[in-house]
């Protein structure tokens, strides 16, 4: 009977806590659904530009499910530089010259394998298969998968830990009564929010700088562009996560409920951050990435660290991350209304 009483009490607690019940039942299904959308999407189709490539070889490439478009040499280089093409194939003699965009080792291998099969199919019987000349716009043949995923992981870890720690810390400020005492003073809501963001922001900036330095200097992650641009993006990501974490903490009553938001806030961003190719995802789902701050941070970090991009390539990402931060801060100010005693 006593064991039965304990079981009944636990069951009542679960049924009374609708949020925990929803997290246990709905969150796993939501994550599995998103994983199915990512991994059961379309097959990767290489986008190739051809310059003077014979029609039979182009047809063989298309038979291998590649998207091949004819360009002039200048047009092809421009398309490759803007990442609208994965590679350029040029025929100046018997053997093709291949220029790979190069920032994704997985795509590089897929393109070279596809080209090799096409060359073997197009070669006359008993003839040797031409050996293509390979050059890289970004990266090299020795580029490791970690160099490709590393910038995304930097952004993810900065965002995740700052979101979690800031949310829990701000929650303790509220549950400990500190926030109520501040609200009872002449301080305005925006002053409280800005003060908290700047206060926590000093530590998050230090954390972001330490992670960026460790990844590039100690782990030896590829860094073609400026470290200061890497630091700028990581700090902006940290500030975005900080303002979002403090906002979400307004809807949690304890640390456990704050952690419950991770499957809803953090996990979906992983799928759209660049760790998984969006090219294989259904087109009507890709728009979701527009509202994911981590996507902009990861794109900027990849452009800087792998492609050596400067301000002209990352300024849009910088503005979007800054806009996210300001938007979340405004929502924080509005959320404080429910804590002020009327």
Protein backbone atom coordinates (compact mmCIF):
# COMPACT_ATOMS: atom_id res chain seq x y z
CA UNK A 1 0.00 0.00 0.00
CA UNK A 2 2.82 2.38 0.85
CA UNK A 3 4.55 1.67 -2.49
CA UNK A 4 1.20 2.20 -4.23
CA UNK A 5 0.85 5.57 -2.52
CA UNK A 6 4.30 6.64 -3.76
CA UNK A 7 3.49 5.56 -7.32
CA UNK A 8 0.18 7.42 -7.28
CA UNK A 9 1.82 10.58 -5.94
CA UNK A 10 4.44 10.54 -8.73
CA UNK A 11 1.78 9.96 -11.37
CA UNK A 12 -0.29 12.86 -10.03
CA UNK A 13 2.78 15.12 -10.16
CA UNK A 14 3.36 14.26 -13.80
CA UNK A 15 -0.26 14.81 -14.79
CA UNK A 16 -0.36 18.14 -12.95
CA UNK A 17 2.87 19.31 -14.62
CA UNK A 18 1.60 19.63 -18.18
CA UNK A 19 4.89 21.08 -19.45
CA UNK A 20 6.97 18.12 -18.26
CA UNK A 21 4.41 15.71 -19.68
CA UNK A 22 4.51 17.47 -23.05
CA UNK A 23 8.33 17.46 -23.09
CA UNK A 24 8.44 13.73 -22.39
CA UNK A 25 5.83 12.81 -24.99
CA UNK A 26 6.02 15.49 -27.70
CA UNK A 27 9.69 16.58 -27.75
CA UNK A 28 11.17 13.16 -28.75
CA UNK A 29 8.65 12.81 -31.58
CA UNK A 30 9.39 16.38 -32.75
CA UNK A 31 13.14 15.73 -32.86
CA UNK A 32 12.68 12.40 -34.65
CA UNK A 33 10.39 14.11 -37.17
CA UNK A 34 13.01 16.79 -37.87
CA UNK A 35 15.71 14.14 -38.25
CA UNK A 36 13.55 12.30 -40.78
CA UNK A 37 13.18 15.53 -42.78
CA UNK A 38 16.95 16.01 -42.82
CA UNK A 39 18.09 12.46 -43.54
CA UNK A 40 15.21 11.38 -45.79
CA UNK A 41 15.43 14.40 -48.06
CA UNK A 42 16.55 14.62 -51.64
CA UNK A 43 19.83 13.12 -52.85
CA UNK A 44 22.71 15.59 -53.13
CA UNK A 45 23.01 16.86 -56.71
CA UNK A 46 26.41 18.41 -57.57
CA UNK A 47 26.19 21.73 -59.40
CA UNK A 48 28.90 21.79 -62.05
CA UNK A 49 29.93 24.46 -64.51
CA UNK A 50 31.41 23.34 -67.82
CA UNK A 51 33.80 25.40 -69.94
CA UNK A 52 34.46 23.86 -73.33
CA UNK A 53 33.53 20.36 -72.17
CA UNK A 54 32.48 18.02 -75.04
CA UNK A 55 28.79 17.20 -75.20
CA UNK A 56 29.32 13.42 -74.70
CA UNK A 57 31.13 14.01 -71.38
CA UNK A 58 28.47 16.50 -70.28
CA UNK A 59 25.83 13.86 -71.03
CA UNK A 60 27.75 11.27 -68.99
CA UNK A 61 27.92 13.69 -66.06
CA UNK A 62 24.19 14.31 -66.31
CA UNK A 63 23.62 10.56 -66.43
CA UNK A 64 25.43 10.44 -63.08
CA UNK A 65 22.75 12.86 -61.74
CA UNK A 66 24.89 16.00 -61.83
CA UNK A 67 23.50 19.41 -62.73
CA UNK A 68 25.77 20.69 -65.50
CA UNK A 69 25.55 24.20 -67.02
CA UNK A 70 27.72 25.70 -69.76
CA UNK A 71 29.46 28.99 -68.96
CA UNK A 72 32.25 31.16 -70.20
CA UNK A 73 35.42 31.02 -68.11
CA UNK A 74 34.69 34.35 -66.42
CA UNK A 75 31.06 33.50 -65.65
CA UNK A 76 32.03 30.12 -64.21
CA UNK A 77 34.65 31.65 -61.91
CA UNK A 78 32.13 34.23 -60.66
CA UNK A 79 29.53 31.52 -59.98
CA UNK A 80 32.10 29.39 -58.15
CA UNK A 81 33.25 32.32 -56.01
CA UNK A 82 29.64 33.06 -55.00
CA UNK A 83 29.09 29.34 -54.13
CA UNK A 84 26.46 28.88 -56.84
CA UNK A 85 28.62 26.10 -58.26
CA UNK A 86 30.41 23.23 -56.54
CA UNK A 87 33.05 22.85 -59.24
CA UNK A 88 34.16 23.98 -62.71
CA UNK A 89 35.27 21.51 -65.38
CA UNK A 90 37.42 22.93 -68.19
CA UNK A 91 38.72 21.06 -71.24
CA UNK A 92 41.95 22.48 -72.63
CA UNK A 93 43.25 19.17 -73.90
CA UNK A 94 42.62 15.46 -73.49
CA UNK A 95 42.37 15.63 -69.71
CA UNK A 96 39.89 17.91 -67.90
CA UNK A 97 40.91 20.57 -65.42
CA UNK A 98 38.68 20.66 -62.34
CA UNK A 99 38.43 23.60 -59.96
CA UNK A 100 36.58 22.65 -56.78
CA UNK A 101 34.92 25.18 -54.49
CA UNK A 102 36.64 23.09 -51.85
CA UNK A 103 35.09 24.14 -48.53
CA UNK A 104 33.23 20.83 -48.02
CA UNK A 105 35.43 17.69 -48.17
CA UNK A 106 32.35 15.46 -48.52
CA UNK A 107 31.19 17.30 -51.63
CA UNK A 108 34.71 17.28 -53.04
CA UNK A 109 34.93 13.50 -52.82
CA UNK A 110 31.45 13.03 -54.30
CA UNK A 111 32.28 15.27 -57.29
CA UNK A 112 35.62 13.59 -57.99
CA UNK A 113 34.05 10.14 -57.77
CA UNK A 114 31.24 11.20 -60.12
CA UNK A 115 33.73 12.70 -62.59
CA UNK A 116 35.87 9.57 -62.54
CA UNK A 117 32.87 7.40 -63.37
CA UNK A 118 31.83 9.76 -66.18
CA UNK A 119 35.35 9.75 -67.66
CA UNK A 120 35.50 5.97 -67.57
CA UNK A 121 32.14 5.74 -69.35
CA UNK A 122 33.11 8.31 -71.99
CA UNK A 123 36.56 6.83 -72.72
CA UNK A 124 36.86 4.63 -75.83
CA UNK A 125 37.28 0.89 -75.33
CA UNK A 126 40.83 -0.21 -74.31
CA UNK A 127 41.81 3.45 -73.83
CA UNK A 128 43.29 4.86 -70.65
CA UNK A 129 40.98 7.03 -68.57
CA UNK A 130 42.19 10.67 -68.60
CA UNK A 131 43.52 11.86 -65.25
CA UNK A 132 41.99 15.24 -64.35
CA UNK A 133 44.01 18.10 -62.90
CA UNK A 134 42.49 19.17 -59.57
CA UNK A 135 42.73 22.65 -58.04
CA UNK A 136 40.89 24.13 -55.08
CA UNK A 137 39.38 27.58 -54.74
CA UNK A 138 39.20 27.09 -50.97
CA UNK A 139 40.80 24.46 -48.79
CA UNK A 140 42.97 21.68 -50.17
CA UNK A 141 43.11 17.94 -50.71
CA UNK A 142 44.35 17.57 -47.12
CA UNK A 143 41.39 19.43 -45.63
CA UNK A 144 39.80 17.34 -42.87
CA UNK A 145 36.10 17.01 -42.10
CA UNK A 146 36.71 18.74 -38.77
CA UNK A 147 37.90 21.85 -40.62
CA UNK A 148 34.49 21.95 -42.30
CA UNK A 149 32.41 21.23 -39.19
CA UNK A 150 34.64 23.13 -36.77
CA UNK A 151 33.27 26.64 -37.41
CA UNK A 152 29.72 25.36 -36.90
CA UNK A 153 30.74 23.62 -33.67
CA UNK A 154 32.34 26.82 -32.37
CA UNK A 155 29.09 28.69 -32.97
CA UNK A 156 27.00 25.89 -31.47
CA UNK A 157 28.98 25.56 -28.23
CA UNK A 158 29.08 29.32 -27.71
CA UNK A 159 25.33 29.59 -28.31
CA UNK A 160 24.34 26.53 -26.27
CA UNK A 161 26.34 27.20 -23.10
CA UNK A 162 25.57 30.93 -23.02
CA UNK A 163 21.86 30.25 -23.55
CA UNK A 164 21.75 27.70 -20.74
CA UNK A 165 23.91 29.56 -18.21
CA UNK A 166 22.31 32.95 -18.79
CA UNK A 167 18.81 31.49 -18.56
CA UNK A 168 19.53 29.66 -15.31
CA UNK A 169 21.38 32.65 -13.82
CA UNK A 170 18.57 35.09 -14.65
CA UNK A 171 16.04 32.60 -13.32
CA UNK A 172 17.88 32.51 -9.99
CA UNK A 173 17.86 36.30 -9.91
CA UNK A 174 14.09 36.16 -10.25
CA UNK A 175 13.35 33.28 -7.87
CA UNK A 176 15.79 34.67 -5.30
CA UNK A 177 13.85 37.93 -5.12
CA UNK A 178 16.62 40.11 -6.56
CA UNK A 179 14.60 41.01 -9.63
CA UNK A 180 11.53 41.98 -7.59
CA UNK A 181 13.63 44.29 -5.43
CA UNK A 182 15.07 45.92 -8.54
CA UNK A 183 11.59 46.36 -9.99
CA UNK A 184 10.54 48.11 -6.78
CA UNK A 185 13.22 50.77 -7.32
CA UNK A 186 12.94 53.76 -9.70
CA UNK A 187 14.90 51.78 -12.28
CA UNK A 188 13.11 51.41 -15.59
CA UNK A 189 12.64 48.03 -17.20
CA UNK A 190 14.93 48.78 -20.12
CA UNK A 191 17.68 49.85 -17.72
CA UNK A 192 17.41 46.54 -15.87
CA UNK A 193 17.54 44.53 -19.09
CA UNK A 194 20.48 46.48 -20.51
CA UNK A 195 22.31 46.22 -17.17
CA UNK A 196 21.86 42.46 -17.02
CA UNK A 197 22.86 42.01 -20.67
CA UNK A 198 26.01 44.10 -20.24
CA UNK A 199 26.87 42.43 -16.94
CA UNK A 200 26.48 38.89 -18.18
CA UNK A 201 27.85 39.99 -21.56
CA UNK A 202 31.33 40.63 -20.17
CA UNK A 203 31.64 37.00 -19.10
CA UNK A 204 30.07 35.63 -22.27
CA UNK A 205 32.49 37.71 -24.34
CA UNK A 206 35.39 36.19 -22.42
CA UNK A 207 33.96 32.70 -22.98
CA UNK A 208 33.46 33.30 -26.71
CA UNK A 209 37.01 34.62 -27.10
CA UNK A 210 38.44 31.64 -25.20
CA UNK A 211 36.55 29.10 -27.35
CA UNK A 212 37.57 30.81 -30.59
CA UNK A 213 41.23 31.00 -29.51
CA UNK A 214 41.32 27.37 -28.33
CA UNK A 215 39.78 26.04 -31.54
CA UNK A 216 42.13 27.92 -33.87
CA UNK A 217 45.38 28.07 -31.88
CA UNK A 218 45.35 24.86 -29.85
CA UNK A 219 43.25 22.49 -31.99
CA UNK A 220 44.68 23.92 -35.20
CA UNK A 221 41.34 24.48 -36.91
CA UNK A 222 41.70 26.03 -40.37
CA UNK A 223 41.69 29.83 -40.25
CA UNK A 224 42.16 31.62 -43.55
CA UNK A 225 40.46 34.90 -42.63
CA UNK A 226 40.90 37.29 -39.72
CA UNK A 227 40.71 36.02 -36.15
CA UNK A 228 39.10 39.34 -35.17
CA UNK A 229 36.17 38.65 -37.47
CA UNK A 230 35.84 35.21 -35.85
CA UNK A 231 35.82 36.91 -32.46
CA UNK A 232 33.20 39.43 -33.63
CA UNK A 233 30.81 36.69 -34.80
CA UNK A 234 31.27 34.56 -31.67
CA UNK A 235 30.62 37.57 -29.43
CA UNK A 236 27.47 38.45 -31.40
CA UNK A 237 26.30 34.83 -31.16
CA UNK A 238 26.94 34.92 -27.42
CA UNK A 239 24.95 38.14 -27.02
CA UNK A 240 22.08 36.68 -29.06
CA UNK A 241 22.07 33.54 -26.90
CA UNK A 242 22.31 35.68 -23.77
CA UNK A 243 19.30 37.82 -24.64
CA UNK A 244 17.33 34.76 -25.77
CA UNK A 245 18.21 32.80 -22.63
CA UNK A 246 17.08 35.59 -20.32
CA UNK A 247 13.87 35.92 -22.33
CA UNK A 248 13.04 32.21 -22.15
CA UNK A 249 13.81 32.12 -18.41
CA UNK A 250 10.79 34.41 -17.89
CA UNK A 251 8.59 31.43 -18.77
CA UNK A 252 10.31 28.94 -16.45
CA UNK A 253 9.66 28.42 -12.75
CA UNK A 254 12.82 26.45 -11.96
CA UNK A 255 16.09 25.20 -13.49
CA UNK A 256 14.50 21.95 -14.65
CA UNK A 257 11.90 23.82 -16.68
CA UNK A 258 14.67 25.95 -18.18
CA UNK A 259 16.44 22.80 -19.38
CA UNK A 260 13.16 21.61 -20.88
CA UNK A 261 13.38 24.41 -23.45
CA UNK A 262 16.57 22.95 -24.97
CA UNK A 263 14.74 20.48 -27.29
CA UNK A 264 12.54 23.33 -28.54
CA UNK A 265 15.12 26.13 -28.81
CA UNK A 266 18.55 24.56 -29.33
CA UNK A 267 18.02 21.21 -31.08
CA UNK A 268 16.10 22.61 -34.11
CA UNK A 269 18.90 25.09 -34.72
CA UNK A 270 21.42 22.26 -35.01
CA UNK A 271 19.61 20.87 -38.05
CA UNK A 272 19.76 24.24 -39.84
CA UNK A 273 23.21 25.35 -38.68
CA UNK A 274 25.17 23.71 -41.49
CA UNK A 275 26.18 20.49 -39.75
CA UNK A 276 23.82 18.80 -42.20
CA UNK A 277 23.54 19.79 -45.85
CA UNK A 278 20.46 21.88 -46.53
CA UNK A 279 20.74 21.00 -50.22
CA UNK A 280 19.22 17.59 -49.50
CA UNK A 281 16.34 19.01 -47.47
CA UNK A 282 12.95 19.70 -48.99
CA UNK A 283 12.81 23.22 -50.42
CA UNK A 284 9.67 24.15 -48.49
CA UNK A 285 11.50 23.42 -45.21
CA UNK A 286 14.64 25.43 -45.84
CA UNK A 287 12.88 28.71 -45.00
CA UNK A 288 12.84 27.65 -41.33
CA UNK A 289 16.57 28.38 -41.22
CA UNK A 290 15.78 32.08 -41.73
CA UNK A 291 14.59 32.36 -38.13
CA UNK A 292 17.55 30.44 -36.66
CA UNK A 293 20.31 32.73 -35.26
CA UNK A 294 22.83 29.89 -35.23
CA UNK A 295 22.55 29.53 -39.02
CA UNK A 296 23.79 33.08 -39.59
CA UNK A 297 26.62 32.69 -37.10
CA UNK A 298 27.74 29.36 -38.57
CA UNK A 299 27.59 30.69 -42.15
CA UNK A 300 29.70 33.70 -41.21
CA UNK A 301 32.27 31.59 -39.33
CA UNK A 302 32.62 29.21 -42.28
CA UNK A 303 33.06 32.11 -44.69
CA UNK A 304 35.77 33.62 -42.50
CA UNK A 305 37.65 30.51 -41.42
CA UNK A 306 37.48 28.40 -44.60
CA UNK A 307 36.97 30.92 -47.42
CA UNK A 308 38.89 33.86 -45.96
CA UNK A 309 35.90 36.18 -46.31
CA UNK A 310 36.05 39.78 -45.18
CA UNK A 311 33.48 42.34 -44.14
CA UNK A 312 31.88 42.40 -47.59
CA UNK A 313 30.78 38.77 -47.15
CA UNK A 314 29.73 38.76 -43.49
CA UNK A 315 28.10 42.15 -42.92
CA UNK A 316 24.58 40.79 -43.52
CA UNK A 317 25.14 38.04 -40.93
CA UNK A 318 26.45 40.64 -38.47
CA UNK A 319 23.38 42.84 -38.94
CA UNK A 320 20.99 39.89 -38.60
CA UNK A 321 22.62 38.70 -35.35
CA UNK A 322 22.55 42.24 -33.98
CA UNK A 323 18.86 42.50 -34.95
CA UNK A 324 18.10 39.22 -33.17
CA UNK A 325 19.81 40.53 -30.03
CA UNK A 326 17.91 43.83 -30.07
CA UNK A 327 14.61 42.04 -30.76
CA UNK A 328 15.12 39.63 -27.85
CA UNK A 329 16.08 42.54 -25.57
CA UNK A 330 12.85 44.36 -26.45
CA UNK A 331 10.86 41.21 -25.72
CA UNK A 332 12.74 40.93 -22.42
CA UNK A 333 11.57 44.41 -21.49
CA UNK A 334 7.98 43.48 -22.29
CA UNK A 335 8.29 40.19 -20.39
CA UNK A 336 9.33 42.07 -17.22
CA UNK A 337 5.85 43.59 -17.01
CA UNK A 338 4.41 40.39 -15.61
CA UNK A 339 6.91 40.52 -12.72
CA UNK A 340 6.18 44.09 -11.66
CA UNK A 341 3.67 44.34 -8.86
CA UNK A 342 0.75 46.61 -9.76
